[in-house]
């Protein structure tokens, strides 16, 4: 969990592992911005894992989307 987030933002914080295989993990972190209201921050975190399952390289892709844009993305990914 992101301990540096504002307490109001922590209420909306969600973290999930999308996929994890030997050598690779993709995680998603999402929370609603304090301002402007209705805007969500999405972090997709791609992690390369070593033989011990430890992260040795990480890339974060950051997006800001409204709820409607998130719903459109989710729908598009599942059709």
C-alpha atoms as a PDB file:
ATOM      1  CA  UNK A   1       0.000   0.000   0.000  1.00  0.00           C
ATOM      2  CA  UNK A   2       1.152   3.524  -0.692  1.00  0.00           C
ATOM      3  CA  UNK A   3       1.742   4.979   2.756  1.00  0.00           C
ATOM      4  CA  UNK A   4       2.477   8.427   1.308  1.00  0.00           C
ATOM      5  CA  UNK A   5      -1.085   8.936   0.042  1.00  0.00           C
ATOM      6  CA  UNK A   6      -3.440  11.460   1.629  1.00  0.00           C
ATOM      7  CA  UNK A   7      -5.892   9.814   4.119  1.00  0.00           C
ATOM      8  CA  UNK A   8      -8.884  10.753   1.913  1.00  0.00           C
ATOM      9  CA  UNK A   9      -7.195   9.091  -1.053  1.00  0.00           C
ATOM     10  CA  UNK A  10      -6.407   5.926   0.926  1.00  0.00           C
ATOM     11  CA  UNK A  11     -10.153   5.296   1.231  1.00  0.00           C
ATOM     12  CA  UNK A  12     -10.322   4.735  -2.541  1.00  0.00           C
ATOM     13  CA  UNK A  13      -6.993   2.881  -2.919  1.00  0.00           C
ATOM     14  CA  UNK A  14      -7.124  -0.532  -4.603  1.00  0.00           C
ATOM     15  CA  UNK A  15      -4.178  -2.772  -5.454  1.00  0.00           C
ATOM     16  CA  UNK A  16      -4.335  -6.040  -7.412  1.00  0.00           C
ATOM     17  CA  UNK A  17      -1.984  -8.463  -9.113  1.00  0.00           C
ATOM     18  CA  UNK A  18      -3.201  -8.873 -12.700  1.00  0.00           C
ATOM     19  CA  UNK A  19      -0.857 -11.725 -13.618  1.00  0.00           C
ATOM     20  CA  UNK A  20       2.216 -13.382 -12.175  1.00  0.00           C
ATOM     21  CA  UNK A  21       4.404 -15.991 -13.821  1.00  0.00           C
ATOM     22  CA  UNK A  22       7.953 -17.127 -13.288  1.00  0.00           C
ATOM     23  CA  UNK A  23      10.031 -14.050 -14.002  1.00  0.00           C
ATOM     24  CA  UNK A  24       7.167 -11.568 -14.495  1.00  0.00           C
ATOM     25  CA  UNK A  25       4.395  -9.806 -12.558  1.00  0.00           C
ATOM     26  CA  UNK A  26       1.903  -7.116 -13.552  1.00  0.00           C
ATOM     27  CA  UNK A  27       0.224  -5.149 -10.762  1.00  0.00           C
ATOM     28  CA  UNK A  28      -2.388  -2.400 -10.829  1.00  0.00           C
ATOM     29  CA  UNK A  29      -2.855   0.370  -8.267  1.00  0.00           C
ATOM     30  CA  UNK A  30      -5.856   2.727  -8.456  1.00  0.00           C
ATOM     31  CA  UNK A  31      -7.106   5.626  -6.362  1.00  0.00           C
ATOM     32  CA  UNK A  32      -9.299   8.694  -6.772  1.00  0.00           C
ATOM     33  CA  UNK A  33      -7.581  12.055  -6.899  1.00  0.00           C
ATOM     34  CA  UNK A  34      -8.435  14.647  -4.265  1.00  0.00           C
ATOM     35  CA  UNK A  35      -8.657  17.280  -6.986  1.00  0.00           C
ATOM     36  CA  UNK A  36     -10.150  17.355  -9.494  1.00  0.00           C
ATOM     37  CA  UNK A  37     -12.851  15.117  -8.062  1.00  0.00           C
ATOM     38  CA  UNK A  38     -13.850  12.237 -10.285  1.00  0.00           C
ATOM     39  CA  UNK A  39     -10.377  11.689 -11.733  1.00  0.00           C
ATOM     40  CA  UNK A  40      -8.674   8.372 -10.977  1.00  0.00           C
ATOM     41  CA  UNK A  41      -4.969   7.625 -10.936  1.00  0.00           C
ATOM     42  CA  UNK A  42      -4.056   4.242 -12.436  1.00  0.00           C
ATOM     43  CA  UNK A  43      -0.570   2.759 -12.095  1.00  0.00           C
ATOM     44  CA  UNK A  44       0.274  -0.377 -14.056  1.00  0.00           C
ATOM     45  CA  UNK A  45       3.487  -1.773 -12.573  1.00  0.00           C
ATOM     46  CA  UNK A  46       5.446  -4.265 -14.670  1.00  0.00           C
ATOM     47  CA  UNK A  47       8.002  -6.190 -12.607  1.00  0.00           C
ATOM     48  CA  UNK A  48      10.758  -8.545 -13.719  1.00  0.00           C
ATOM     49  CA  UNK A  49      11.549 -11.199 -11.108  1.00  0.00           C
ATOM     50  CA  UNK A  50      14.827 -13.012 -10.496  1.00  0.00           C
ATOM     51  CA  UNK A  51      15.229 -16.737  -9.733  1.00  0.00           C
ATOM     52  CA  UNK A  52      14.279 -16.093  -6.083  1.00  0.00           C
ATOM     53  CA  UNK A  53      11.057 -14.320  -7.079  1.00  0.00           C
ATOM     54  CA  UNK A  54      12.446 -10.919  -6.051  1.00  0.00           C
ATOM     55  CA  UNK A  55      11.873  -7.795  -8.147  1.00  0.00           C
ATOM     56  CA  UNK A  56      15.028  -6.817  -9.985  1.00  0.00           C
ATOM     57  CA  UNK A  57      13.527  -4.407 -12.519  1.00  0.00           C
ATOM     58  CA  UNK A  58      10.322  -2.407 -12.460  1.00  0.00           C
ATOM     59  CA  UNK A  59       8.508  -0.046 -14.840  1.00  0.00           C
ATOM     60  CA  UNK A  60       5.443   2.005 -13.902  1.00  0.00           C
ATOM     61  CA  UNK A  61       2.933   3.288 -16.447  1.00  0.00           C
ATOM     62  CA  UNK A  62       0.738   6.053 -15.029  1.00  0.00           C
ATOM     63  CA  UNK A  63      -2.677   7.097 -16.355  1.00  0.00           C
ATOM     64  CA  UNK A  64      -5.371   9.532 -15.207  1.00  0.00           C
ATOM     65  CA  UNK A  65      -8.931   8.622 -16.216  1.00  0.00           C
ATOM     66  CA  UNK A  66     -12.505   9.433 -15.326  1.00  0.00           C
ATOM     67  CA  UNK A  67     -14.878   6.683 -14.167  1.00  0.00           C
ATOM     68  CA  UNK A  68     -16.474   6.638 -17.631  1.00  0.00           C
ATOM     69  CA  UNK A  69     -13.076   6.200 -19.291  1.00  0.00           C
ATOM     70  CA  UNK A  70     -12.234   3.363 -16.891  1.00  0.00           C
ATOM     71  CA  UNK A  71     -15.537   1.651 -17.694  1.00  0.00           C
ATOM     72  CA  UNK A  72     -14.916   2.047 -21.430  1.00  0.00           C
ATOM     73  CA  UNK A  73     -11.398   0.584 -21.002  1.00  0.00           C
ATOM     74  CA  UNK A  74     -12.714  -2.368 -18.965  1.00  0.00           C
ATOM     75  CA  UNK A  75     -15.447  -3.032 -21.519  1.00  0.00           C
ATOM     76  CA  UNK A  76     -13.012  -2.817 -24.451  1.00  0.00           C
ATOM     77  CA  UNK A  77     -10.592  -5.247 -22.780  1.00  0.00           C
ATOM     78  CA  UNK A  78     -13.316  -7.838 -22.194  1.00  0.00           C
ATOM     79  CA  UNK A  79     -15.138  -7.897 -25.559  1.00  0.00           C
END
